[in-house]
C-alpha atoms as a PDB file:
ATOM      1  CA  UNK A   1     -56.132  24.087 -32.893  1.00  0.00           C
ATOM      2  CA  UNK A   2     -54.895  21.400 -30.486  1.00  0.00           C
ATOM      3  CA  UNK A   3     -53.240  21.934 -27.124  1.00  0.00           C
ATOM      4  CA  UNK A   4     -49.913  20.971 -28.715  1.00  0.00           C
ATOM      5  CA  UNK A   5     -50.434  23.524 -31.513  1.00  0.00           C
ATOM      6  CA  UNK A   6     -50.939  26.255 -28.906  1.00  0.00           C
ATOM      7  CA  UNK A   7     -47.780  25.171 -27.100  1.00  0.00           C
ATOM      8  CA  UNK A   8     -45.734  25.254 -30.326  1.00  0.00           C
ATOM      9  CA  UNK A   9     -47.175  28.662 -31.239  1.00  0.00           C
ATOM     10  CA  UNK A  10     -46.156  30.013 -27.828  1.00  0.00           C
ATOM     11  CA  UNK A  11     -42.637  28.614 -28.213  1.00  0.00           C
ATOM     12  CA  UNK A  12     -42.308  30.263 -31.608  1.00  0.00           C
ATOM     13  CA  UNK A  13     -43.545  33.634 -30.436  1.00  0.00           C
ATOM     14  CA  UNK A  14     -41.207  36.421 -31.450  1.00  0.00           C
ATOM     15  CA  UNK A  15     -39.396  34.456 -34.146  1.00  0.00           C
ATOM     16  CA  UNK A  16     -39.067  36.624 -37.204  1.00  0.00           C
ATOM     17  CA  UNK A  17     -39.386  35.099 -40.626  1.00  0.00           C
ATOM     18  CA  UNK A  18     -36.007  35.429 -42.228  1.00  0.00           C
ATOM     19  CA  UNK A  19     -33.827  33.287 -44.406  1.00  0.00           C
ATOM     20  CA  UNK A  20     -34.539  30.195 -42.255  1.00  0.00           C
ATOM     21  CA  UNK A  21     -37.860  28.509 -41.596  1.00  0.00           C
ATOM     22  CA  UNK A  22     -39.249  29.757 -38.270  1.00  0.00           C
ATOM     23  CA  UNK A  23     -39.741  26.170 -37.074  1.00  0.00           C
ATOM     24  CA  UNK A  24     -36.045  25.460 -37.602  1.00  0.00           C
ATOM     25  CA  UNK A  25     -35.119  28.659 -35.777  1.00  0.00           C
ATOM     26  CA  UNK A  26     -37.524  27.695 -32.984  1.00  0.00           C
ATOM     27  CA  UNK A  27     -35.944  24.241 -32.790  1.00  0.00           C
ATOM     28  CA  UNK A  28     -32.484  25.777 -32.359  1.00  0.00           C
ATOM     29  CA  UNK A  29     -33.758  28.248 -29.779  1.00  0.00           C
ATOM     30  CA  UNK A  30     -35.349  25.498 -27.701  1.00  0.00           C
ATOM     31  CA  UNK A  31     -32.468  23.052 -28.192  1.00  0.00           C
ATOM     32  CA  UNK A  32     -29.871  25.592 -27.104  1.00  0.00           C
ATOM     33  CA  UNK A  33     -31.959  26.396 -24.017  1.00  0.00           C
ATOM     34  CA  UNK A  34     -31.918  22.650 -23.221  1.00  0.00           C
ATOM     35  CA  UNK A  35     -35.656  22.466 -23.867  1.00  0.00           C
ATOM     36  CA  UNK A  36     -35.185  19.297 -25.859  1.00  0.00           C
ATOM     37  CA  UNK A  37     -38.774  18.059 -25.698  1.00  0.00           C
ATOM     38  CA  UNK A  38     -39.983  21.454 -26.850  1.00  0.00           C
ATOM     39  CA  UNK A  39     -37.387  21.495 -29.656  1.00  0.00           C
ATOM     40  CA  UNK A  40     -38.799  18.171 -30.798  1.00  0.00           C
ATOM     41  CA  UNK A  41     -42.356  19.561 -30.787  1.00  0.00           C
ATOM     42  CA  UNK A  42     -41.452  22.718 -32.703  1.00  0.00           C
ATOM     43  CA  UNK A  43     -39.630  20.876 -35.485  1.00  0.00           C
ATOM     44  CA  UNK A  44     -42.238  18.122 -35.638  1.00  0.00           C
ATOM     45  CA  UNK A  45     -44.711  20.678 -37.015  1.00  0.00           C
ATOM     46  CA  UNK A  46     -42.368  21.274 -39.969  1.00  0.00           C
ATOM     47  CA  UNK A  47     -41.543  17.583 -40.386  1.00  0.00           C
ATOM     48  CA  UNK A  48     -45.225  16.629 -40.582  1.00  0.00           C
ATOM     49  CA  UNK A  49     -45.585  18.898 -43.631  1.00  0.00           C
ATOM     50  CA  UNK A  50     -42.512  17.398 -45.355  1.00  0.00           C
ATOM     51  CA  UNK A  51     -42.115  13.905 -43.912  1.00  0.00           C
ATOM     52  CA  UNK A  52     -42.139  12.279 -47.364  1.00  0.00           C
ATOM     53  CA  UNK A  53     -40.390  15.191 -49.060  1.00  0.00           C
ATOM     54  CA  UNK A  54     -36.688  15.584 -49.770  1.00  0.00           C
ATOM     55  CA  UNK A  55     -35.940  17.031 -46.315  1.00  0.00           C
ATOM     56  CA  UNK A  56     -38.230  14.801 -44.277  1.00  0.00           C
ATOM     57  CA  UNK A  57     -35.435  12.552 -43.052  1.00  0.00           C
ATOM     58  CA  UNK A  58     -33.286  15.574 -42.194  1.00  0.00           C
ATOM     59  CA  UNK A  59     -35.968  16.961 -39.910  1.00  0.00           C
ATOM     60  CA  UNK A  60     -36.602  13.486 -38.516  1.00  0.00           C
ATOM     61  CA  UNK A  61     -32.900  13.163 -37.665  1.00  0.00           C
ATOM     62  CA  UNK A  62     -32.891  16.506 -35.839  1.00  0.00           C
ATOM     63  CA  UNK A  63     -36.047  15.521 -33.953  1.00  0.00           C
ATOM     64  CA  UNK A  64     -34.403  12.268 -32.879  1.00  0.00           C
ATOM     65  CA  UNK A  65     -31.273  14.172 -31.851  1.00  0.00           C
ATOM     66  CA  UNK A  66     -33.333  16.314 -29.489  1.00  0.00           C
ATOM     67  CA  UNK A  67     -35.258  13.243 -28.345  1.00  0.00           C
ATOM     68  CA  UNK A  68     -32.021  11.539 -27.354  1.00  0.00           C
ATOM     69  CA  UNK A  69     -31.272  14.415 -24.993  1.00  0.00           C
ATOM     70  CA  UNK A  70     -34.781  14.126 -23.532  1.00  0.00           C
ATOM     71  CA  UNK A  71     -33.912  10.539 -22.623  1.00  0.00           C
ATOM     72  CA  UNK A  72     -30.565  11.615 -21.182  1.00  0.00           C
ATOM     73  CA  UNK A  73     -32.262  14.205 -18.995  1.00  0.00           C
ATOM     74  CA  UNK A  74     -34.437  11.392 -17.642  1.00  0.00           C
ATOM     75  CA  UNK A  75     -31.369   9.133 -17.229  1.00  0.00           C
ATOM     76  CA  UNK A  76     -32.688   6.608 -19.756  1.00  0.00           C
ATOM     77  CA  UNK A  77     -29.355   5.721 -21.317  1.00  0.00           C
ATOM     78  CA  UNK A  78     -30.313   2.901 -23.666  1.00  0.00           C
ATOM     79  CA  UNK A  79     -33.112   4.811 -25.467  1.00  0.00           C
ATOM     80  CA  UNK A  80     -30.818   7.852 -25.636  1.00  0.00           C
ATOM     81  CA  UNK A  81     -28.065   5.829 -27.275  1.00  0.00           C
ATOM     82  CA  UNK A  82     -30.513   4.305 -29.768  1.00  0.00           C
ATOM     83  CA  UNK A  83     -31.790   7.749 -30.804  1.00  0.00           C
ATOM     84  CA  UNK A  84     -28.296   9.241 -31.023  1.00  0.00           C
ATOM     85  CA  UNK A  85     -27.265   6.473 -33.410  1.00  0.00           C
ATOM     86  CA  UNK A  86     -30.542   6.464 -35.331  1.00  0.00           C
ATOM     87  CA  UNK A  87     -30.397  10.212 -35.960  1.00  0.00           C
ATOM     88  CA  UNK A  88     -26.974   9.817 -37.575  1.00  0.00           C
ATOM     89  CA  UNK A  89     -28.398   7.349 -40.105  1.00  0.00           C
ATOM     90  CA  UNK A  90     -30.861   9.997 -41.244  1.00  0.00           C
ATOM     91  CA  UNK A  91     -28.575  13.016 -41.082  1.00  0.00           C
ATOM     92  CA  UNK A  92     -25.616  11.412 -42.867  1.00  0.00           C
ATOM     93  CA  UNK A  93     -27.637  11.397 -46.108  1.00  0.00           C
ATOM     94  CA  UNK A  94     -27.475  15.199 -46.285  1.00  0.00           C
ATOM     95  CA  UNK A  95     -24.602  17.453 -47.295  1.00  0.00           C
ATOM     96  CA  UNK A  96     -22.878  19.627 -44.764  1.00  0.00           C
ATOM     97  CA  UNK A  97     -23.996  22.320 -44.448  1.00  0.00           C
ATOM     98  CA  UNK A  98     -27.695  21.695 -44.988  1.00  0.00           C
ATOM     99  CA  UNK A  99     -30.156  24.423 -44.073  1.00  0.00           C
ATOM    100  CA  UNK A 100     -27.003  26.265 -42.955  1.00  0.00           C
ATOM    101  CA  UNK A 101     -26.349  23.619 -40.275  1.00  0.00           C
ATOM    102  CA  UNK A 102     -23.102  21.690 -39.906  1.00  0.00           C
ATOM    103  CA  UNK A 103     -24.552  18.227 -40.429  1.00  0.00           C
ATOM    104  CA  UNK A 104     -21.164  16.549 -39.980  1.00  0.00           C
ATOM    105  CA  UNK A 105     -20.683  18.359 -36.678  1.00  0.00           C
ATOM    106  CA  UNK A 106     -24.117  17.319 -35.448  1.00  0.00           C
ATOM    107  CA  UNK A 107     -23.569  13.670 -36.406  1.00  0.00           C
ATOM    108  CA  UNK A 108     -20.151  13.694 -34.721  1.00  0.00           C
ATOM    109  CA  UNK A 109     -21.728  15.140 -31.595  1.00  0.00           C
ATOM    110  CA  UNK A 110     -24.452  12.466 -31.679  1.00  0.00           C
ATOM    111  CA  UNK A 111     -21.861   9.703 -32.006  1.00  0.00           C
ATOM    112  CA  UNK A 112     -19.845  11.129 -29.108  1.00  0.00           C
ATOM    113  CA  UNK A 113     -22.946  11.220 -26.904  1.00  0.00           C
ATOM    114  CA  UNK A 114     -23.898   7.679 -27.951  1.00  0.00           C
ATOM    115  CA  UNK A 115     -20.464   6.525 -26.812  1.00  0.00           C
ATOM    116  CA  UNK A 116     -20.783   8.570 -23.605  1.00  0.00           C
ATOM    117  CA  UNK A 117     -23.917   6.627 -22.617  1.00  0.00           C
ATOM    118  CA  UNK A 118     -21.588   3.668 -22.051  1.00  0.00           C
ATOM    119  CA  UNK A 119     -19.168   5.691 -19.935  1.00  0.00           C
ATOM    120  CA  UNK A 120     -18.905   5.248 -16.195  1.00  0.00           C
ATOM    121  CA  UNK A 121     -18.225   8.994 -16.137  1.00  0.00           C
ATOM    122  CA  UNK A 122     -21.523   9.900 -17.801  1.00  0.00           C
ATOM    123  CA  UNK A 123     -22.848  11.664 -14.704  1.00  0.00           C
ATOM    124  CA  UNK A 124     -19.818  13.976 -14.740  1.00  0.00           C
ATOM    125  CA  UNK A 125     -20.226  14.453 -18.502  1.00  0.00           C
ATOM    126  CA  UNK A 126     -23.894  15.369 -18.038  1.00  0.00           C
ATOM    127  CA  UNK A 127     -23.065  17.911 -15.359  1.00  0.00           C
ATOM    128  CA  UNK A 128     -20.344  19.443 -17.537  1.00  0.00           C
ATOM    129  CA  UNK A 129     -22.772  19.644 -20.445  1.00  0.00           C
ATOM    130  CA  UNK A 130     -25.257  21.786 -18.519  1.00  0.00           C
ATOM    131  CA  UNK A 131     -23.771  24.692 -20.469  1.00  0.00           C
ATOM    132  CA  UNK A 132     -24.212  22.776 -23.715  1.00  0.00           C
ATOM    133  CA  UNK A 133     -24.781  21.082 -26.238  1.00  0.00           C
ATOM    134  CA  UNK A 134     -25.528  23.876 -28.653  1.00  0.00           C
ATOM    135  CA  UNK A 135     -26.318  24.039 -32.335  1.00  0.00           C
ATOM    136  CA  UNK A 136     -26.064  27.177 -34.425  1.00  0.00           C
ATOM    137  CA  UNK A 137     -26.520  27.997 -38.054  1.00  0.00           C
ATOM    138  CA  UNK A 138     -23.287  27.312 -39.956  1.00  0.00           C
ATOM    139  CA  UNK A 139     -21.898  25.168 -37.115  1.00  0.00           C
ATOM    140  CA  UNK A 140     -22.570  22.650 -34.386  1.00  0.00           C
ATOM    141  CA  UNK A 141     -20.784  23.557 -31.188  1.00  0.00           C
ATOM    142  CA  UNK A 142     -19.916  21.048 -28.503  1.00  0.00           C
ATOM    143  CA  UNK A 143     -18.759  22.321 -25.150  1.00  0.00           C
ATOM    144  CA  UNK A 144     -15.906  20.773 -23.309  1.00  0.00           C
END
């Protein structure tokens, strides 16, 4: 088991197997706690098993969505914008809801954040978003 595998296992501790894959639940848990890098790592474990399967691009889109926020946290606006837009190209190929997630809501949120990277008010937007963004099963919730 690699160091990364141990980290993912620790992040997923306490997640009960239910109707949703534990990696997807772990992704949401980390994402909603603004642990975007960790969300990426948790879902990557699931994506690696299904990257060429029917849901591979869906997981890839969610990973890129979290990755965009990693770049925002580091104030790297151009890479953030690229990932926000790239994730929409993957996610838009899936119905909404998919895996009980509001895909349309997530893609709309990604497009809004891509546009915000061009805003002179981005710093204010980032501070306001400290309470968000959040994703939940059956919906994507944007604060503000």
